[in-house]
Amino acid sequence: MSASSPKLSLQFWILALIALINSISFTSIIPLIYPYAKQFGLSDFQASLLTTAYAIAQFFATPILGRLSDMAGRKPLLVMSLSGTVAAGLLASFAPVAWVLYLARVLDGLTGGNVSVARAVISDMVPSDRRPQAFGIFDAMFRLGFVAGPSLSYLAQTIPPFPGVSRLGMGFLVSAGMALVAVILTLIWLPETLANQQAFRFSWQDFGLGRILKSTTRPKIGQLFLLTFFSGFTFTIFTFAFQPFFLNVLGQNTKTLAIVFAIFGILGFVAQIFGLQPLTSRFSLVKILAIALFIRSILFLIMPLTTSLNTFLVVAIFFGLANAYPLPLINSLLSINSSDREQGEVFGLNASYLSISNAFGPAIGGLLVGFGYRAPFWITGVLALFTAWFAITLKAQLEPPPPRSHP
């Protein structure tokens, strides 16, 4: 990186603040989904389908939202997406029956393109040599939300509930309020970053399932889409299986669970803010990515061997650090290997692959728990080793060969 590279702009830091607030809104409901589902009498598997419903809806919607942002502009699509989160939070908080809760999750997924559109904004405003740092900070804001979000969720449950809203439902109501703050900030302070807007012509052929699947054949970035799916699939099996293992095998309670989520958030934030830039200045992005995925896979295999909270926390510390790097590195590689006019579409497609992995992962995790609380860790550990190997195979495609020396 050259010494003359410009610093990150004020516009970027405004976007980072919006990302933090949006992340707090999103993460504040993560500890609530499982117990809220139980409140409606749903089984473990039915509870996992709440996450699946959200992810499937997001899988189909994000490429459309991303492509729209490439034509109509980033700002209106970001406002629309955040507004959908507000509406979904309100619907979930007042849900009288389980199917309304599912409907709220689908609505949130259909309008859940805010992160992919925000990443396109970063590509618009940040030079390519600064993007690894910018994506690292952006994702660090999301990690920081894991610290504040669960804490806010706990506080929301202490507020006297409104009529028609349970104490757990108050968490969804507060989540909607945080998303509304992000909408207001976007409207007032975030400028439009897309230089040349175009008229949008809708075509089902452009946005069908075939187009999403065909995107894997695109040079360079198609393989990155697959890597996003494999990485997300293994991680979301873990995220679902982690909770019953922590509560039932380690014998902990939901308050301790919230603290562990906060620890993950703090470690991820520190690693991305202070570790990503020094690493990317010395090593290639693909090499760092492959090593991080390999370490994560080994830790998946070690976790079920822990029998006490203390030993689990030691493993969790290393996991929180290693898990901080895959997502921003993949986003950086996608941004660098795609043109300026397709950034929104590319990040929308990538978000679709992440969404479908988020749909399958929790459902598979819910099924594997039936074979024992440790079984999901063994399966995801082996799959994660394959994912690390796949990342290594991409090195030749994504990195230029070293210059040959001439005699």
Protein backbone atom coordinates (compact mmCIF):
# COMPACT_ATOMS: atom_id res chain seq x y z
CA MET A 1 0.00 0.00 0.00
CA SER A 2 1.41 3.39 -0.93
CA ALA A 3 2.03 6.00 1.69
CA SER A 4 0.02 8.52 -0.35
CA SER A 5 -3.22 6.51 -0.17
CA PRO A 6 -6.05 8.79 1.01
CA LYS A 7 -7.57 8.28 4.43
CA LEU A 8 -11.09 6.95 4.77
CA SER A 9 -13.60 9.75 4.21
CA LEU A 10 -16.19 11.20 6.57
CA GLN A 11 -18.87 9.63 4.37
CA PHE A 12 -17.42 6.21 5.11
CA TRP A 13 -17.52 6.79 8.86
CA ILE A 14 -21.17 7.90 8.59
CA LEU A 15 -21.88 4.63 6.78
CA ALA A 16 -19.96 2.73 9.49
CA LEU A 17 -22.15 4.37 12.16
CA ILE A 18 -25.29 3.35 10.25
CA ALA A 19 -23.88 -0.17 9.99
CA LEU A 20 -23.30 -0.28 13.75
CA ILE A 21 -26.86 0.84 14.54
CA ASN A 22 -28.28 -1.61 12.00
CA SER A 23 -26.13 -4.37 13.49
CA ILE A 24 -27.40 -3.64 17.00
CA SER A 25 -30.94 -3.87 15.64
CA PHE A 26 -30.17 -7.22 13.96
CA THR A 27 -28.18 -8.85 16.75
CA SER A 28 -30.55 -7.78 19.50
CA ILE A 29 -33.11 -10.36 18.28
CA ILE A 30 -30.65 -13.26 17.85
CA PRO A 31 -30.91 -14.40 21.51
CA LEU A 32 -34.69 -13.96 21.33
CA ILE A 33 -35.65 -16.07 18.29
CA TYR A 34 -35.28 -19.45 19.99
CA PRO A 35 -37.06 -18.62 23.30
CA TYR A 36 -39.68 -16.53 21.46
CA ALA A 37 -40.43 -19.53 19.22
CA LYS A 38 -40.79 -21.69 22.34
CA GLN A 39 -43.27 -19.15 23.68
CA PHE A 40 -45.46 -19.97 20.66
CA GLY A 41 -45.12 -23.72 21.34
CA LEU A 42 -42.75 -24.47 18.44
CA SER A 43 -40.35 -27.43 18.50
CA ASP A 44 -36.55 -27.08 18.16
CA PHE A 45 -36.72 -27.86 14.45
CA GLN A 46 -39.64 -25.46 13.90
CA ALA A 47 -37.67 -22.78 15.74
CA SER A 48 -34.71 -23.29 13.38
CA LEU A 49 -37.09 -22.74 10.43
CA LEU A 50 -37.60 -19.13 11.53
CA THR A 51 -33.99 -18.50 10.55
CA THR A 52 -34.43 -20.59 7.42
CA ALA A 53 -37.51 -18.62 6.31
CA TYR A 54 -35.61 -15.34 6.69
CA ALA A 55 -32.60 -16.66 4.78
CA ILE A 56 -34.56 -18.13 1.85
CA ALA A 57 -36.45 -14.87 1.38
CA GLN A 58 -33.17 -12.96 1.48
CA PHE A 59 -31.61 -15.41 -1.01
CA PHE A 60 -34.10 -14.41 -3.72
CA ALA A 61 -34.37 -10.72 -2.82
CA THR A 62 -30.79 -9.51 -2.41
CA PRO A 63 -29.70 -9.84 -6.07
CA ILE A 64 -32.74 -7.79 -7.07
CA LEU A 65 -31.99 -5.13 -4.48
CA GLY A 66 -28.32 -5.09 -5.45
CA ARG A 67 -29.07 -4.75 -9.15
CA LEU A 68 -31.60 -2.02 -8.40
CA SER A 69 -28.94 -0.13 -6.46
CA ASP A 70 -26.63 -0.30 -9.50
CA MET A 71 -29.30 1.52 -11.51
CA ALA A 72 -31.57 3.57 -9.23
CA GLY A 73 -28.92 4.49 -6.66
CA ARG A 74 -27.66 3.17 -3.35
CA LYS A 75 -29.46 5.53 -0.98
CA PRO A 76 -33.11 4.80 -1.89
CA LEU A 77 -32.50 1.05 -1.76
CA LEU A 78 -30.73 1.33 1.60
CA VAL A 79 -33.65 3.35 3.01
CA MET A 80 -36.19 0.85 1.65
CA SER A 81 -34.29 -2.12 3.07
CA LEU A 82 -33.89 -0.59 6.52
CA SER A 83 -37.57 0.40 6.52
CA GLY A 84 -38.46 -3.25 5.89
CA THR A 85 -36.53 -4.16 9.04
CA VAL A 86 -38.61 -1.62 10.98
CA ALA A 87 -41.87 -3.08 9.68
CA ALA A 88 -40.77 -6.67 10.33
CA GLY A 89 -39.74 -5.86 13.90
CA LEU A 90 -43.11 -4.27 14.62
CA LEU A 91 -44.96 -7.23 13.11
CA ALA A 92 -42.95 -9.76 15.13
CA SER A 93 -43.36 -7.87 18.40
CA PHE A 94 -47.18 -7.84 18.13
CA ALA A 95 -47.46 -11.35 16.60
CA PRO A 96 -50.48 -13.12 18.15
CA VAL A 97 -49.78 -16.53 16.57
CA ALA A 98 -46.76 -18.37 15.19
CA TRP A 99 -47.53 -17.89 11.47
CA VAL A 100 -47.37 -14.11 11.91
CA LEU A 101 -43.89 -14.52 13.37
CA TYR A 102 -42.88 -16.52 10.28
CA LEU A 103 -44.40 -13.78 8.09
CA ALA A 104 -42.33 -11.15 9.89
CA ARG A 105 -39.14 -13.13 9.30
CA VAL A 106 -39.97 -13.50 5.58
CA LEU A 107 -40.64 -9.75 5.29
CA ASP A 108 -37.32 -9.01 7.00
CA GLY A 109 -35.59 -11.33 4.54
CA LEU A 110 -37.25 -9.86 1.44
CA THR A 111 -36.05 -6.39 2.40
CA GLY A 112 -32.77 -7.60 3.90
CA GLY A 113 -30.40 -6.14 1.32
CA ASN A 114 -29.06 -3.33 3.48
CA VAL A 115 -25.67 -4.96 4.13
CA SER A 116 -24.98 -5.83 0.48
CA VAL A 117 -26.04 -2.34 -0.67
CA ALA A 118 -23.85 -0.77 2.03
CA ARG A 119 -20.88 -2.80 0.79
CA ALA A 120 -21.53 -1.46 -2.71
CA VAL A 121 -21.42 2.05 -1.20
CA ILE A 122 -17.98 1.24 0.21
CA SER A 123 -16.79 0.15 -3.24
CA ASP A 124 -18.11 3.45 -4.66
CA MET A 125 -16.30 5.70 -2.19
CA VAL A 126 -13.13 3.82 -1.18
CA PRO A 127 -10.06 3.27 -3.43
CA SER A 128 -9.27 -0.39 -4.15
CA ASP A 129 -6.06 -0.41 -2.05
CA ARG A 130 -8.05 0.77 0.99
CA ARG A 131 -10.97 -1.64 0.60
CA PRO A 132 -9.60 -4.48 2.77
CA GLN A 133 -9.27 -1.97 5.62
CA ALA A 134 -12.69 -0.43 4.88
CA PHE A 135 -14.47 -3.79 4.70
CA GLY A 136 -12.67 -4.87 7.86
CA ILE A 137 -13.89 -1.80 9.75
CA PHE A 138 -17.40 -2.19 8.31
CA ASP A 139 -17.59 -5.82 9.42
CA ALA A 140 -16.04 -4.83 12.75
CA MET A 141 -19.01 -2.53 13.30
CA PHE A 142 -21.23 -5.55 12.76
CA ARG A 143 -19.17 -7.51 15.28
CA LEU A 144 -19.48 -4.65 17.74
CA GLY A 145 -23.23 -5.01 17.39
CA PHE A 146 -22.86 -8.48 18.92
CA VAL A 147 -21.66 -6.72 22.07
CA ALA A 148 -24.39 -4.10 22.28
CA GLY A 149 -27.24 -6.04 20.65
CA PRO A 150 -27.68 -8.90 23.15
CA SER A 151 -27.23 -6.44 26.03
CA LEU A 152 -29.95 -4.23 24.58
CA SER A 153 -32.13 -7.31 24.13
CA TYR A 154 -31.76 -8.16 27.82
CA LEU A 155 -32.59 -4.58 28.85
CA ALA A 156 -35.63 -4.53 26.56
CA GLN A 157 -37.07 -7.49 28.47
CA THR A 158 -36.92 -5.47 31.70
CA ILE A 159 -39.13 -2.71 30.24
CA PRO A 160 -42.82 -3.01 31.19
CA PRO A 161 -44.36 -4.51 28.03
CA PHE A 162 -46.88 -2.62 25.91
CA PRO A 163 -50.41 -4.03 25.59
CA GLY A 164 -50.35 -6.98 23.21
CA VAL A 165 -46.56 -7.38 23.48
CA SER A 166 -44.79 -9.96 25.63
CA ARG A 167 -41.48 -9.30 27.39
CA LEU A 168 -39.63 -11.18 24.65
CA GLY A 169 -41.64 -9.26 22.06
CA MET A 170 -40.31 -6.01 23.53
CA GLY A 171 -36.90 -7.01 22.19
CA PHE A 172 -38.28 -7.02 18.64
CA LEU A 173 -39.91 -3.65 19.28
CA VAL A 174 -36.63 -2.12 20.42
CA SER A 175 -34.93 -3.68 17.37
CA ALA A 176 -37.44 -1.89 15.13
CA GLY A 177 -36.68 1.37 16.91
CA MET A 178 -32.94 1.00 16.29
CA ALA A 179 -33.56 0.30 12.59
CA LEU A 180 -35.69 3.45 12.44
CA VAL A 181 -32.73 5.47 13.75
CA ALA A 182 -30.61 4.02 10.92
CA VAL A 183 -33.29 5.06 8.39
CA ILE A 184 -33.22 8.65 9.68
CA LEU A 185 -29.41 8.83 9.60
CA THR A 186 -29.36 7.50 6.03
CA LEU A 187 -31.95 10.01 4.85
CA ILE A 188 -30.23 13.01 6.44
CA TRP A 189 -26.48 12.40 6.32
CA LEU A 190 -25.59 9.69 3.82
CA PRO A 191 -25.13 11.08 0.28
CA GLU A 192 -25.79 9.15 -2.91
CA THR A 193 -22.53 7.53 -4.06
CA LEU A 194 -23.56 6.03 -7.42
CA ALA A 195 -22.22 8.42 -10.05
CA ASN A 196 -24.38 7.52 -13.06
CA GLN A 197 -27.89 6.29 -12.35
CA GLN A 198 -29.85 4.48 -15.06
CA ALA A 199 -33.45 3.63 -15.78
CA PHE A 200 -34.31 0.23 -14.40
CA ARG A 201 -36.06 -2.32 -16.60
CA PHE A 202 -37.33 -5.33 -14.69
CA SER A 203 -36.88 -8.78 -16.23
CA TRP A 204 -37.67 -12.07 -14.49
CA GLN A 205 -34.93 -13.65 -16.59
CA ASP A 206 -32.40 -11.32 -14.95
CA PHE A 207 -33.37 -12.24 -11.41
CA GLY A 208 -34.48 -15.86 -11.55
CA LEU A 209 -32.92 -18.75 -9.71
CA GLY A 210 -31.10 -19.70 -12.90
CA ARG A 211 -29.23 -16.40 -12.95
CA ILE A 212 -28.15 -16.84 -9.33
CA LEU A 213 -26.88 -20.38 -9.95
CA LYS A 214 -25.25 -19.40 -13.26
CA SER A 215 -23.24 -16.73 -11.43
CA THR A 216 -20.94 -19.48 -10.11
CA THR A 217 -19.54 -19.84 -13.64
CA ARG A 218 -18.33 -16.23 -13.77
CA PRO A 219 -14.53 -16.00 -13.86
CA LYS A 220 -12.91 -15.52 -10.44
CA ILE A 221 -15.93 -14.22 -8.54
CA GLY A 222 -18.03 -17.34 -9.22
CA GLN A 223 -15.65 -19.39 -7.09
CA LEU A 224 -15.84 -16.75 -4.37
CA PHE A 225 -19.64 -17.11 -4.33
CA LEU A 226 -19.19 -20.84 -3.67
CA LEU A 227 -16.64 -20.09 -0.95
CA THR A 228 -19.16 -17.75 0.71
CA PHE A 229 -21.74 -20.55 0.68
CA PHE A 230 -19.41 -23.18 2.16
CA SER A 231 -18.06 -20.81 4.80
CA GLY A 232 -21.53 -19.60 5.78
CA PHE A 233 -23.00 -23.12 5.79
CA THR A 234 -20.41 -24.47 8.23
CA PHE A 235 -20.62 -21.41 10.46
CA THR A 236 -24.43 -21.41 10.72
CA ILE A 237 -24.51 -25.10 11.65
CA PHE A 238 -22.26 -24.09 14.52
CA THR A 239 -24.27 -21.01 15.53
CA PHE A 240 -27.44 -23.06 16.00
CA ALA A 241 -25.79 -26.09 17.63
CA PHE A 242 -23.72 -23.87 19.92
CA GLN A 243 -26.73 -22.72 21.97
CA PRO A 244 -28.17 -26.11 23.07
CA PHE A 245 -24.60 -27.42 23.66
CA PHE A 246 -23.80 -24.43 25.85
CA LEU A 247 -27.03 -24.66 27.82
CA ASN A 248 -27.44 -28.42 28.14
CA VAL A 249 -23.93 -29.90 28.03
CA LEU A 250 -22.01 -27.15 29.80
CA GLY A 251 -24.98 -26.44 32.07
CA GLN A 252 -25.00 -22.68 31.60
CA ASN A 253 -27.89 -20.21 31.50
CA THR A 254 -29.12 -17.64 28.97
CA LYS A 255 -27.39 -14.73 30.74
CA THR A 256 -24.00 -16.44 30.41
CA LEU A 257 -24.88 -17.22 26.80
CA ALA A 258 -25.41 -13.50 26.13
CA ILE A 259 -22.02 -12.75 27.70
CA VAL A 260 -20.32 -15.29 25.41
CA PHE A 261 -22.00 -13.69 22.38
CA ALA A 262 -20.62 -10.36 23.59
CA ILE A 263 -17.13 -11.88 23.92
CA PHE A 264 -17.32 -13.10 20.31
CA GLY A 265 -18.30 -9.59 19.26
CA ILE A 266 -15.47 -7.89 21.17
CA LEU A 267 -12.83 -10.31 19.85
CA GLY A 268 -14.06 -9.94 16.28
CA PHE A 269 -14.08 -6.16 16.56
CA VAL A 270 -10.52 -6.03 17.94
CA ALA A 271 -9.19 -8.49 15.34
CA GLN A 272 -10.71 -6.63 12.41
CA ILE A 273 -9.78 -3.13 13.57
CA PHE A 274 -6.22 -3.84 14.69
CA GLY A 275 -5.24 -7.05 12.92
CA LEU A 276 -6.61 -6.96 9.38
CA GLN A 277 -4.66 -4.04 7.96
CA PRO A 278 -1.20 -5.20 9.22
CA LEU A 279 -1.86 -8.72 7.94
CA THR A 280 -3.04 -7.63 4.47
CA SER A 281 -0.01 -5.35 4.10
CA ARG A 282 2.33 -8.34 4.57
CA PHE A 283 0.43 -11.35 3.19
CA SER A 284 -1.92 -12.04 0.30
CA LEU A 285 -5.67 -11.92 0.94
CA VAL A 286 -6.18 -15.52 -0.18
CA LYS A 287 -3.42 -16.84 2.09
CA ILE A 288 -4.86 -15.09 5.16
CA LEU A 289 -8.35 -16.31 4.25
CA ALA A 290 -7.27 -19.95 3.87
CA ILE A 291 -5.35 -19.95 7.16
CA ALA A 292 -8.27 -18.36 9.04
CA LEU A 293 -10.69 -20.96 7.64
CA PHE A 294 -8.31 -23.79 8.55
CA ILE A 295 -7.91 -22.56 12.14
CA ARG A 296 -11.69 -22.20 12.44
CA SER A 297 -12.21 -25.79 11.27
CA ILE A 298 -9.77 -27.15 13.87
CA LEU A 299 -11.54 -25.19 16.61
CA PHE A 300 -14.91 -26.62 15.50
CA LEU A 301 -13.46 -30.08 16.14
CA ILE A 302 -11.99 -29.12 19.52
CA MET A 303 -15.09 -27.41 20.96
CA PRO A 304 -17.17 -30.55 21.63
CA LEU A 305 -14.25 -31.98 23.62
CA THR A 306 -14.63 -29.25 26.25
CA THR A 307 -16.45 -30.25 29.42
CA SER A 308 -16.30 -27.03 31.47
CA LEU A 309 -17.00 -23.37 30.89
CA ASN A 310 -13.36 -22.37 31.44
CA THR A 311 -11.93 -24.70 28.79
CA PHE A 312 -14.71 -23.75 26.40
CA LEU A 313 -13.91 -20.05 26.83
CA VAL A 314 -10.24 -20.65 26.02
CA VAL A 315 -11.24 -22.28 22.73
CA ALA A 316 -13.85 -19.56 22.14
CA ILE A 317 -11.22 -16.81 22.41
CA PHE A 318 -9.17 -18.30 19.57
CA PHE A 319 -12.35 -18.96 17.62
CA GLY A 320 -13.53 -15.36 17.97
CA LEU A 321 -10.20 -14.09 16.61
CA ALA A 322 -9.99 -16.50 13.66
CA ASN A 323 -13.66 -16.05 12.74
CA ALA A 324 -13.17 -12.29 12.31
CA TYR A 325 -11.34 -12.56 8.97
CA PRO A 326 -13.16 -14.72 6.36
CA LEU A 327 -16.09 -12.39 5.61
CA PRO A 328 -14.21 -9.08 5.07
CA LEU A 329 -11.51 -10.87 3.06
CA ILE A 330 -14.05 -12.49 0.74
CA ASN A 331 -15.78 -9.11 0.31
CA SER A 332 -12.46 -7.45 -0.52
CA LEU A 333 -11.63 -10.10 -3.12
CA LEU A 334 -15.09 -9.71 -4.68
CA SER A 335 -14.78 -5.93 -4.86
CA ILE A 336 -11.29 -6.00 -6.37
CA ASN A 337 -12.24 -8.62 -8.97
CA SER A 338 -15.44 -6.95 -10.24
CA SER A 339 -16.11 -3.71 -12.12
CA ASP A 340 -17.45 -0.51 -10.58
CA ARG A 341 -20.79 -0.79 -12.41
CA GLU A 342 -21.57 -4.25 -11.04
CA GLN A 343 -20.62 -3.84 -7.38
CA GLY A 344 -24.22 -3.79 -6.16
CA GLU A 345 -25.17 -6.84 -8.23
CA VAL A 346 -22.06 -8.77 -7.15
CA PHE A 347 -22.59 -8.08 -3.45
CA GLY A 348 -26.29 -8.87 -3.84
CA LEU A 349 -25.46 -12.24 -5.42
CA ASN A 350 -22.89 -12.94 -2.72
CA ALA A 351 -25.46 -12.09 -0.05
CA SER A 352 -27.81 -14.59 -1.71
CA TYR A 353 -25.26 -17.38 -1.35
CA LEU A 354 -24.70 -16.36 2.26
CA SER A 355 -28.46 -16.33 2.80
CA ILE A 356 -29.03 -19.80 1.37
CA SER A 357 -26.21 -21.10 3.55
CA ASN A 358 -27.96 -19.45 6.49
CA ALA A 359 -31.15 -21.24 5.43
CA PHE A 360 -29.65 -24.72 5.26
CA GLY A 361 -27.17 -24.39 8.15
CA PRO A 362 -29.58 -23.92 11.08
CA ALA A 363 -32.00 -26.52 9.69
CA ILE A 364 -29.19 -29.08 9.33
CA GLY A 365 -27.92 -28.09 12.78
CA GLY A 366 -31.39 -28.65 14.22
CA LEU A 367 -31.53 -32.12 12.69
CA LEU A 368 -27.99 -33.05 13.81
CA VAL A 369 -28.74 -32.08 17.40
CA GLY A 370 -31.13 -35.04 17.38
CA PHE A 371 -28.06 -37.30 17.15
CA GLY A 372 -26.44 -35.63 20.16
CA TYR A 373 -25.32 -32.15 21.10
CA ARG A 374 -21.73 -32.82 19.92
CA ALA A 375 -22.60 -34.29 16.51
CA PRO A 376 -23.01 -30.93 14.69
CA PHE A 377 -19.50 -29.86 15.73
CA TRP A 378 -17.90 -32.98 14.23
CA ILE A 379 -19.78 -32.59 10.96
CA THR A 380 -19.14 -28.87 10.57
CA GLY A 381 -15.47 -29.33 11.49
CA VAL A 382 -14.91 -31.79 8.63
CA LEU A 383 -16.86 -29.61 6.18
CA ALA A 384 -14.87 -26.56 7.30
CA LEU A 385 -11.60 -28.38 6.52
CA PHE A 386 -12.88 -28.90 2.98
CA THR A 387 -13.77 -25.18 2.80
CA ALA A 388 -10.22 -24.21 3.81
CA TRP A 389 -8.80 -26.52 1.14
CA PHE A 390 -11.14 -24.98 -1.46
CA ALA A 391 -9.89 -21.49 -0.51
CA ILE A 392 -6.29 -22.59 -1.09
CA THR A 393 -7.17 -23.78 -4.61
CA LEU A 394 -8.33 -20.25 -5.51
CA LYS A 395 -4.89 -18.72 -4.97
CA ALA A 396 -3.77 -19.25 -8.56
CA GLN A 397 -6.99 -17.71 -9.96
CA LEU A 398 -7.19 -14.64 -7.73
CA GLU A 399 -3.53 -13.70 -7.40
CA PRO A 400 -1.22 -12.75 -10.28
CA PRO A 401 1.81 -15.01 -10.72
CA PRO A 402 5.12 -13.63 -9.42
CA PRO A 403 7.21 -11.86 -12.10
CA ARG A 404 9.76 -14.04 -13.80
CA SER A 405 13.39 -13.09 -13.42
CA HIS A 406 15.27 -12.58 -16.68
CA PRO A 407 18.89 -13.58 -17.07
